[in-house]
Amino acid sequence: MVGRMPGATTEEVFFIEVDRKVSKTNIFSINAQKWECPVDLRQKTVQVRYSRNRMDRFIVYFADKRMGEAQVLDLHFNANGIRKNTPQHPQDKPTK
């Protein structure tokens, strides 16, 4: 019996694969557009897979393991968004 890959990753075998260096802020770029890694991969080199026919979906791999789908960078949210465990003012302490 031959093993099968899950449906979501079967098509990825045929995707284009490129190496990208992830920045200190967990961002990489492809075709002049910035993308956020699905997990913390700051300052690592990752492999990004994508279809020639679909340039809006990028799958991130690291050490031959699928890390997940990258999200397009939302500059507005990053500038103004409220995050958990992040102080809003210098005198505030992070929540647990």
C-alpha atoms as a PDB file:
ATOM      1  CA  MET A   1       0.000   0.000   0.000  1.00  0.00           C
ATOM      2  CA  VAL A   2       1.332   3.410  -0.964  1.00  0.00           C
ATOM      3  CA  GLY A   3       1.002   6.275   1.545  1.00  0.00           C
ATOM      4  CA  ARG A   4      -0.737   9.449   0.451  1.00  0.00           C
ATOM      5  CA  MET A   5      -0.073  13.014   1.433  1.00  0.00           C
ATOM      6  CA  PRO A   6      -2.967  15.044   2.833  1.00  0.00           C
ATOM      7  CA  GLY A   7      -4.952  16.866   0.122  1.00  0.00           C
ATOM      8  CA  ALA A   8      -3.762  20.325   1.119  1.00  0.00           C
ATOM      9  CA  THR A   9      -0.115  19.431   0.551  1.00  0.00           C
ATOM     10  CA  THR A  10      -0.405  17.135  -2.479  1.00  0.00           C
ATOM     11  CA  GLU A  11      -0.600  20.053  -4.912  1.00  0.00           C
ATOM     12  CA  GLU A  12       2.350  21.746  -3.164  1.00  0.00           C
ATOM     13  CA  VAL A  13       4.706  19.114  -4.590  1.00  0.00           C
ATOM     14  CA  PHE A  14       4.382  20.923  -7.934  1.00  0.00           C
ATOM     15  CA  PHE A  15       4.750  24.468  -6.573  1.00  0.00           C
ATOM     16  CA  ILE A  16       7.708  26.720  -7.299  1.00  0.00           C
ATOM     17  CA  GLU A  17      10.082  26.852  -4.330  1.00  0.00           C
ATOM     18  CA  VAL A  18      12.248  29.860  -3.466  1.00  0.00           C
ATOM     19  CA  ASP A  19      14.454  30.625  -0.484  1.00  0.00           C
ATOM     20  CA  ARG A  20      13.768  33.790   1.477  1.00  0.00           C
ATOM     21  CA  LYS A  21      15.510  35.361   4.461  1.00  0.00           C
ATOM     22  CA  VAL A  22      13.059  36.292   7.224  1.00  0.00           C
ATOM     23  CA  SER A  23      13.628  39.693   8.830  1.00  0.00           C
ATOM     24  CA  LYS A  24      13.958  40.549  12.523  1.00  0.00           C
ATOM     25  CA  THR A  25      10.244  41.368  12.432  1.00  0.00           C
ATOM     26  CA  ASN A  26       9.250  37.940  11.014  1.00  0.00           C
ATOM     27  CA  ILE A  27       8.572  39.282   7.501  1.00  0.00           C
ATOM     28  CA  PHE A  28       9.799  38.223   4.049  1.00  0.00           C
ATOM     29  CA  SER A  29       9.057  39.621   0.604  1.00  0.00           C
ATOM     30  CA  ILE A  30       8.121  38.153  -2.745  1.00  0.00           C
ATOM     31  CA  ASN A  31       7.506  40.243  -5.860  1.00  0.00           C
ATOM     32  CA  ALA A  32       7.826  43.488  -3.862  1.00  0.00           C
ATOM     33  CA  GLN A  33       5.041  42.468  -1.465  1.00  0.00           C
ATOM     34  CA  LYS A  34       5.674  41.782   2.214  1.00  0.00           C
ATOM     35  CA  TRP A  35       4.378  38.645   3.966  1.00  0.00           C
ATOM     36  CA  GLU A  36       4.302  37.538   7.609  1.00  0.00           C
ATOM     37  CA  CYS A  37       5.526  34.069   8.545  1.00  0.00           C
ATOM     38  CA  PRO A  38       2.896  31.837  10.174  1.00  0.00           C
ATOM     39  CA  VAL A  39       5.266  31.055  13.091  1.00  0.00           C
ATOM     40  CA  ASP A  40       8.305  32.768  14.585  1.00  0.00           C
ATOM     41  CA  LEU A  41      11.124  32.263  12.078  1.00  0.00           C
ATOM     42  CA  ARG A  42      12.965  35.555  12.586  1.00  0.00           C
ATOM     43  CA  GLN A  43      16.365  35.749  10.907  1.00  0.00           C
ATOM     44  CA  LYS A  44      16.053  32.257   9.440  1.00  0.00           C
ATOM     45  CA  THR A  45      16.157  31.243   5.788  1.00  0.00           C
ATOM     46  CA  VAL A  46      12.882  29.597   4.791  1.00  0.00           C
ATOM     47  CA  GLN A  47      11.568  27.923   1.668  1.00  0.00           C
ATOM     48  CA  VAL A  48       8.436  29.492   0.246  1.00  0.00           C
ATOM     49  CA  ARG A  49       6.284  27.461  -2.132  1.00  0.00           C
ATOM     50  CA  TYR A  50       3.649  28.878  -4.445  1.00  0.00           C
ATOM     51  CA  SER A  51       1.746  28.148  -7.626  1.00  0.00           C
ATOM     52  CA  ARG A  52       2.523  30.051 -10.816  1.00  0.00           C
ATOM     53  CA  ASN A  53      -1.222  30.438 -11.281  1.00  0.00           C
ATOM     54  CA  ARG A  54      -1.949  31.769  -7.816  1.00  0.00           C
ATOM     55  CA  MET A  55       0.325  34.498  -6.499  1.00  0.00           C
ATOM     56  CA  ASP A  56      -1.783  35.201  -3.402  1.00  0.00           C
ATOM     57  CA  ARG A  57      -0.971  32.026  -1.452  1.00  0.00           C
ATOM     58  CA  PHE A  58       2.498  31.280  -0.112  1.00  0.00           C
ATOM     59  CA  ILE A  59       3.332  28.213   1.983  1.00  0.00           C
ATOM     60  CA  VAL A  60       6.325  28.474   4.328  1.00  0.00           C
ATOM     61  CA  TYR A  61       8.641  25.518   4.978  1.00  0.00           C
ATOM     62  CA  PHE A  62      11.560  25.386   7.403  1.00  0.00           C
ATOM     63  CA  ALA A  63      13.911  22.422   7.887  1.00  0.00           C
ATOM     64  CA  ASP A  64      11.765  20.400   5.444  1.00  0.00           C
ATOM     65  CA  LYS A  65       8.655  20.892   7.577  1.00  0.00           C
ATOM     66  CA  ARG A  66       5.503  22.741   6.570  1.00  0.00           C
ATOM     67  CA  MET A  67       5.076  25.718   8.901  1.00  0.00           C
ATOM     68  CA  GLY A  68       1.861  27.067   7.391  1.00  0.00           C
ATOM     69  CA  GLU A  69       0.494  29.699   5.073  1.00  0.00           C
ATOM     70  CA  ALA A  70       1.980  33.205   5.106  1.00  0.00           C
ATOM     71  CA  GLN A  71      -0.298  36.206   5.589  1.00  0.00           C
ATOM     72  CA  VAL A  72       0.024  39.429   3.645  1.00  0.00           C
ATOM     73  CA  LEU A  73       1.521  42.132   5.866  1.00  0.00           C
ATOM     74  CA  ASP A  74      -1.121  44.486   7.255  1.00  0.00           C
ATOM     75  CA  LEU A  75       0.840  47.687   7.909  1.00  0.00           C
ATOM     76  CA  HIS A  76      -2.183  49.478   9.389  1.00  0.00           C
ATOM     77  CA  PHE A  77      -2.799  46.749  11.984  1.00  0.00           C
ATOM     78  CA  ASN A  78       0.885  46.470  12.825  1.00  0.00           C
ATOM     79  CA  ALA A  79       1.058  50.215  13.426  1.00  0.00           C
ATOM     80  CA  ASN A  80      -2.178  50.488  15.429  1.00  0.00           C
ATOM     81  CA  GLY A  81      -3.177  46.976  16.503  1.00  0.00           C
ATOM     82  CA  ILE A  82      -3.513  45.938  20.129  1.00  0.00           C
ATOM     83  CA  ARG A  83      -1.774  42.695  20.924  1.00  0.00           C
ATOM     84  CA  LYS A  84      -2.055  40.405  23.929  1.00  0.00           C
ATOM     85  CA  ASN A  85       0.898  40.366  26.311  1.00  0.00           C
ATOM     86  CA  THR A  86       2.222  43.656  24.957  1.00  0.00           C
ATOM     87  CA  PRO A  87       2.282  46.788  27.129  1.00  0.00           C
ATOM     88  CA  GLN A  88       0.273  49.656  25.688  1.00  0.00           C
ATOM     89  CA  HIS A  89       2.222  52.268  27.676  1.00  0.00           C
ATOM     90  CA  PRO A  90       5.769  52.098  29.054  1.00  0.00           C
ATOM     91  CA  GLN A  91       4.496  52.002  32.658  1.00  0.00           C
ATOM     92  CA  ASP A  92       2.154  49.053  31.937  1.00  0.00           C
ATOM     93  CA  LYS A  93       3.270  45.491  32.528  1.00  0.00           C
ATOM     94  CA  PRO A  94       2.462  42.646  30.112  1.00  0.00           C
ATOM     95  CA  THR A  95      -0.579  40.549  30.995  1.00  0.00           C
ATOM     96  CA  LYS A  96      -0.271  36.824  31.546  1.00  0.00           C
END
